[in-house]
Amino acid sequence: MFDKYNRKINYLRISVTDRCNLRCVYCMPEEGVTILDHKEILNFSEIVSVAKAAVGKGVDKIRLTGGEPLIRNSIIDLVKMIGDIKGIKDYAMTTNGIFLDKFAHDLAKAGLHRVNISLDTLNPEKYKQLTSGGNIQKVFDGIQAAKKAGLEPIKINCVIKDNNQEPDAVAVTKYCEDNNLQIRYIKEMDLEKGEFSIVQGGTGGDCAICNRLRLTANGMIKPCLFSDLEFNVRKLGAEKAIDEAIGNKPLSGHVNHTGKFYNIGG
């Protein structure tokens, strides 16, 4: 699939839930969030139908996100249903890692290839503060479980304020080097102000080569994270929604006044 700017679209990010077990300060607003009613969230059959339609049109890379995907009930079943689709070459999940020690083996067995894990500091107290109560040891346990299960390469998503020489980023970098992990530095973004940049160590944020679509937990295909454009798979059908998203994919990101990171998947 190619958009009107001749970019090859082969990547679909699927948000399986808008809920999360953590409340990271840069993702969840202080005033709290409005979560979707359960009936608004796509069921597994609907998600798989979108994934199949996307793969049929040329998508060969799929990433599951949230919220936190591992809190979705029966997530292993969904991972396997998508993993059974022929034609997927790169199948990953972005997670905060808290539940990976419990699920890593089953995720690999169900067909998941690899994981991206969020880790912004090595300081247990600062991690607890940043995540509003998270236990960093569970992340370390999850990383080891993912390595044991073969969910590699493991990529670490490290959010930074300005640059990768900040003390927390330096510490996380050293941890990654010592544990054979790949690090990606993601500068804090603002959807409403349109503030974003290219991910260091990745390709996210590089509009000129953007190859992705997003499926939100409530069934909207978004052609761009920094745009209010979205196309409803329940109203249009999966194939039509995908076609509309590709046909209307903007040349570059601008602003997003209707979505939040916790319900789009970042």
Protein backbone atom coordinates (compact mmCIF):
# COMPACT_ATOMS: atom_id res chain seq x y z
CA MET A 1 0.00 0.00 0.00
CA PHE A 2 1.24 3.46 -0.89
CA ASP A 3 -0.21 6.77 0.20
CA LYS A 4 -0.48 9.81 -2.08
CA TYR A 5 3.05 10.86 -1.08
CA ASN A 6 4.40 7.48 -2.25
CA ARG A 7 5.18 6.26 1.26
CA LYS A 8 4.82 2.50 1.61
CA ILE A 9 2.39 1.75 4.43
CA ASN A 10 3.19 -1.63 5.96
CA TYR A 11 2.89 -1.07 9.73
CA LEU A 12 -0.21 -1.27 11.92
CA ARG A 13 -0.20 -0.40 15.61
CA ILE A 14 -3.16 -1.87 17.48
CA SER A 15 -4.30 -0.43 20.81
CA VAL A 16 -6.10 -3.30 22.54
CA THR A 17 -7.21 -1.27 25.57
CA ASP A 18 -7.22 2.30 26.86
CA ARG A 19 -6.61 1.10 30.41
CA CYS A 20 -3.29 0.87 32.23
CA ASN A 21 -2.05 -0.36 35.60
CA LEU A 22 0.32 2.63 35.87
CA ARG A 23 -0.27 6.36 35.67
CA CYS A 24 2.90 7.77 34.12
CA VAL A 25 3.03 11.53 34.55
CA TYR A 26 3.68 12.28 30.86
CA CYS A 27 0.87 10.00 29.69
CA MET A 28 -1.94 10.28 32.23
CA PRO A 29 -3.18 13.79 33.13
CA GLU A 30 -3.33 14.74 36.82
CA GLU A 31 -7.08 15.27 36.64
CA GLY A 32 -7.56 11.64 35.65
CA VAL A 33 -8.84 10.07 32.45
CA THR A 34 -12.17 9.16 30.93
CA ILE A 35 -12.03 5.49 30.05
CA LEU A 36 -14.10 3.85 27.36
CA ASP A 37 -17.19 1.86 28.16
CA HIS A 38 -16.51 -1.84 27.60
CA LYS A 39 -19.02 -2.02 24.75
CA GLU A 40 -17.07 0.66 22.87
CA ILE A 41 -13.87 -1.42 22.88
CA LEU A 42 -13.35 -3.74 19.93
CA ASN A 43 -13.72 -7.43 20.66
CA PHE A 44 -11.09 -9.92 19.53
CA SER A 45 -12.96 -10.89 16.39
CA GLU A 46 -13.18 -7.25 15.31
CA ILE A 47 -9.49 -6.64 15.99
CA VAL A 48 -8.46 -9.74 14.07
CA SER A 49 -10.65 -8.77 11.12
CA VAL A 50 -8.88 -5.41 10.90
CA ALA A 51 -5.48 -7.09 11.18
CA LYS A 52 -6.37 -9.55 8.41
CA ALA A 53 -7.62 -6.77 6.16
CA ALA A 54 -4.44 -4.77 6.77
CA VAL A 55 -2.17 -7.74 6.07
CA GLY A 56 -4.17 -8.46 2.93
CA LYS A 57 -3.36 -4.94 1.76
CA GLY A 58 0.37 -5.22 2.43
CA VAL A 59 0.92 -4.68 6.16
CA ASP A 60 3.63 -7.06 7.42
CA LYS A 61 4.48 -5.37 10.72
CA ILE A 62 2.06 -5.30 13.66
CA ARG A 63 2.58 -3.97 17.17
CA LEU A 64 0.14 -4.37 20.05
CA THR A 65 -0.12 -1.44 22.45
CA GLY A 66 -2.51 0.00 25.02
CA GLY A 67 -2.85 1.53 27.52
CA GLU A 68 -1.11 -1.54 28.83
CA PRO A 69 -1.90 -4.50 26.55
CA LEU A 70 -1.14 -7.15 29.18
CA ILE A 71 -4.11 -6.10 31.32
CA ARG A 72 -6.57 -6.99 28.54
CA ASN A 73 -8.43 -10.15 29.55
CA SER A 74 -7.32 -13.26 27.61
CA ILE A 75 -4.62 -11.25 25.82
CA ILE A 76 -2.70 -14.44 25.01
CA ASP A 77 -5.65 -15.66 22.94
CA LEU A 78 -5.62 -12.44 20.91
CA VAL A 79 -1.85 -12.63 20.42
CA LYS A 80 -2.23 -16.12 18.99
CA MET A 81 -5.18 -15.17 16.76
CA ILE A 82 -3.16 -12.37 15.18
CA GLY A 83 0.02 -14.44 15.15
CA ASP A 84 -1.73 -17.08 13.05
CA ILE A 85 -2.31 -14.56 10.23
CA LYS A 86 -0.01 -15.43 7.34
CA GLY A 87 2.22 -12.65 6.10
CA ILE A 88 3.28 -10.94 9.34
CA LYS A 89 7.06 -10.60 9.41
CA ASP A 90 7.47 -8.43 12.52
CA TYR A 91 5.09 -8.96 15.43
CA ALA A 92 5.75 -6.99 18.60
CA MET A 93 4.20 -5.54 21.74
CA THR A 94 4.90 -2.36 23.68
CA THR A 95 4.46 -2.88 27.42
CA ASN A 96 5.47 -1.31 30.71
CA GLY A 97 6.88 -4.72 31.63
CA ILE A 98 5.17 -5.08 35.00
CA PHE A 99 3.38 -8.31 34.01
CA LEU A 100 5.97 -9.70 31.60
CA ASP A 101 7.39 -12.15 34.13
CA LYS A 102 3.94 -13.75 34.17
CA PHE A 103 3.19 -13.65 30.44
CA ALA A 104 6.50 -13.73 28.53
CA HIS A 105 6.61 -17.49 27.96
CA ASP A 106 3.00 -17.68 26.81
CA LEU A 107 3.41 -14.61 24.56
CA ALA A 108 6.31 -16.26 22.77
CA LYS A 109 4.44 -19.54 22.49
CA ALA A 110 1.45 -17.69 21.02
CA GLY A 111 3.62 -16.25 18.25
CA LEU A 112 4.81 -12.85 19.45
CA HIS A 113 8.30 -12.06 18.15
CA ARG A 114 9.59 -9.35 20.47
CA VAL A 115 8.78 -6.62 22.98
CA ASN A 116 9.45 -2.94 23.61
CA ILE A 117 9.55 -2.08 27.31
CA SER A 118 9.20 1.36 28.87
CA LEU A 119 11.96 2.33 31.32
CA ASP A 120 12.83 5.96 32.03
CA THR A 121 14.99 5.63 35.15
CA LEU A 122 16.81 3.02 37.24
CA ASN A 123 15.99 4.76 40.51
CA PRO A 124 13.24 2.78 42.31
CA GLU A 125 11.83 5.82 44.10
CA LYS A 126 11.86 8.00 41.02
CA TYR A 127 10.24 5.19 39.02
CA LYS A 128 7.55 4.93 41.67
CA GLN A 129 7.01 8.69 41.42
CA LEU A 130 6.98 8.80 37.61
CA THR A 131 4.52 5.91 37.36
CA SER A 132 2.42 6.83 40.40
CA GLY A 133 3.26 3.72 42.38
CA GLY A 134 5.01 1.28 40.05
CA ASN A 135 7.54 -1.29 41.28
CA ILE A 136 10.66 -1.15 39.12
CA GLN A 137 11.79 -4.62 40.21
CA LYS A 138 8.82 -6.06 38.33
CA VAL A 139 10.17 -4.42 35.16
CA PHE A 140 13.61 -5.96 35.70
CA ASP A 141 11.97 -9.34 36.29
CA GLY A 142 9.93 -8.88 33.12
CA ILE A 143 13.00 -8.08 31.06
CA GLN A 144 14.73 -11.24 32.23
CA ALA A 145 11.60 -13.29 31.54
CA ALA A 146 11.37 -11.83 28.03
CA LYS A 147 15.01 -12.75 27.38
CA LYS A 148 14.44 -16.27 28.64
CA ALA A 149 11.37 -16.62 26.40
CA GLY A 150 13.28 -15.41 23.34
CA LEU A 151 11.24 -12.23 22.82
CA GLU A 152 14.24 -10.49 21.28
CA PRO A 153 15.59 -8.09 20.34
CA ILE A 154 14.25 -6.35 23.43
CA LYS A 155 13.99 -2.61 22.91
CA ILE A 156 13.82 -0.19 25.82
CA ASN A 157 11.77 2.99 25.38
CA CYS A 158 13.33 5.74 27.48
CA VAL A 159 11.46 9.05 27.65
CA ILE A 160 13.73 12.07 27.93
CA LYS A 161 13.12 15.79 28.52
CA ASP A 162 15.77 17.22 26.22
CA ASN A 163 18.60 14.80 25.36
CA ASN A 164 20.07 11.38 26.08
CA GLN A 165 22.80 12.79 28.32
CA GLU A 166 20.36 13.39 31.16
CA PRO A 167 21.40 11.39 34.28
CA ASP A 168 18.46 8.97 34.14
CA ALA A 169 18.95 8.34 30.42
CA VAL A 170 22.67 7.73 30.91
CA ALA A 171 21.93 5.17 33.64
CA VAL A 172 19.34 3.38 31.51
CA THR A 173 21.79 3.37 28.58
CA LYS A 174 24.44 1.67 30.73
CA TYR A 175 21.88 -0.89 31.93
CA CYS A 176 20.96 -1.66 28.32
CA GLU A 177 24.59 -2.03 27.29
CA ASP A 178 25.23 -4.41 30.19
CA ASN A 179 22.15 -6.52 29.42
CA ASN A 180 22.24 -6.67 25.61
CA LEU A 181 19.16 -4.48 25.20
CA GLN A 182 18.50 -1.90 22.49
CA ILE A 183 17.58 1.59 23.68
CA ARG A 184 15.36 4.16 21.99
CA TYR A 185 15.18 7.72 23.35
CA ILE A 186 11.77 9.34 23.02
CA LYS A 187 11.49 13.05 23.73
CA GLU A 188 8.36 14.06 25.60
CA MET A 189 5.59 14.96 23.16
CA ASP A 190 2.49 17.13 23.31
CA LEU A 191 -0.40 16.17 21.06
CA GLU A 192 -2.33 19.42 21.40
CA LYS A 193 0.71 21.62 20.81
CA GLY A 194 2.04 19.44 18.01
CA GLU A 195 5.39 18.92 19.74
CA PHE A 196 7.17 15.79 18.53
CA SER A 197 10.54 14.73 17.18
CA ILE A 198 12.24 11.75 15.60
CA VAL A 199 12.86 8.89 18.01
CA GLN A 200 16.59 8.43 18.58
CA GLY A 201 17.37 4.83 17.72
CA GLY A 202 14.12 4.40 15.80
CA THR A 203 12.08 5.92 12.98
CA GLY A 204 9.02 7.17 14.87
CA GLY A 205 8.32 10.84 14.37
CA ASP A 206 10.03 10.97 10.95
CA CYS A 207 7.08 12.07 8.81
CA ALA A 208 8.96 11.78 5.52
CA ILE A 209 9.20 7.99 5.87
CA CYS A 210 6.16 7.30 8.05
CA ASN A 211 4.84 3.83 7.20
CA ARG A 212 2.16 3.35 9.88
CA LEU A 213 -1.51 3.34 10.65
CA ARG A 214 -3.05 3.08 14.11
CA LEU A 215 -6.13 1.22 15.29
CA THR A 216 -7.54 2.65 18.51
CA ALA A 217 -9.19 0.48 21.14
CA ASN A 218 -12.62 1.75 20.08
CA GLY A 219 -12.14 0.99 16.42
CA MET A 220 -10.78 4.13 14.77
CA ILE A 221 -8.11 3.84 12.10
CA LYS A 222 -5.82 6.86 12.48
CA PRO A 223 -3.43 7.72 9.67
CA CYS A 224 -1.32 9.97 11.93
CA LEU A 225 -0.81 10.30 15.67
CA PHE A 226 -0.63 14.10 15.39
CA SER A 227 -3.92 14.51 13.55
CA ASP A 228 -7.61 14.42 14.42
CA LEU A 229 -8.35 12.31 11.34
CA GLU A 230 -9.86 8.90 12.09
CA PHE A 231 -12.05 6.37 10.30
CA ASN A 232 -14.49 4.08 12.08
CA VAL A 233 -14.08 0.38 11.25
CA ARG A 234 -17.51 -0.45 12.67
CA LYS A 235 -19.25 2.04 10.41
CA LEU A 236 -17.10 1.74 7.30
CA GLY A 237 -15.82 -1.81 7.55
CA ALA A 238 -12.15 -2.64 8.00
CA GLU A 239 -11.09 -2.42 4.35
CA LYS A 240 -12.86 0.86 3.65
CA ALA A 241 -11.56 2.44 6.87
CA ILE A 242 -8.00 1.42 5.98
CA ASP A 243 -8.37 2.75 2.43
CA GLU A 244 -9.74 6.05 3.72
CA ALA A 245 -6.93 6.39 6.25
CA ILE A 246 -4.26 5.78 3.64
CA GLY A 247 -5.92 8.08 1.12
CA ASN A 248 -6.08 10.88 3.68
CA LYS A 249 -2.75 10.34 5.43
CA PRO A 250 -1.20 13.80 5.85
CA LEU A 251 2.29 14.67 4.66
CA SER A 252 3.30 15.48 8.23
CA GLY A 253 1.93 15.59 11.74
CA HIS A 254 0.30 18.75 13.05
CA VAL A 255 -1.84 18.63 16.20
CA ASN A 256 -4.31 16.24 17.84
CA HIS A 257 -7.09 17.80 19.90
CA THR A 258 -9.26 14.70 20.27
CA GLY A 259 -6.93 11.92 21.38
CA LYS A 260 -4.56 11.14 24.24
CA PHE A 261 -1.50 8.92 24.40
CA TYR A 262 -3.19 6.51 26.77
CA ASN A 263 -6.03 5.74 24.35
CA ILE A 264 -4.19 5.85 21.03
CA GLY A 265 -1.12 3.86 21.95
CA GLY A 266 1.62 6.38 21.26
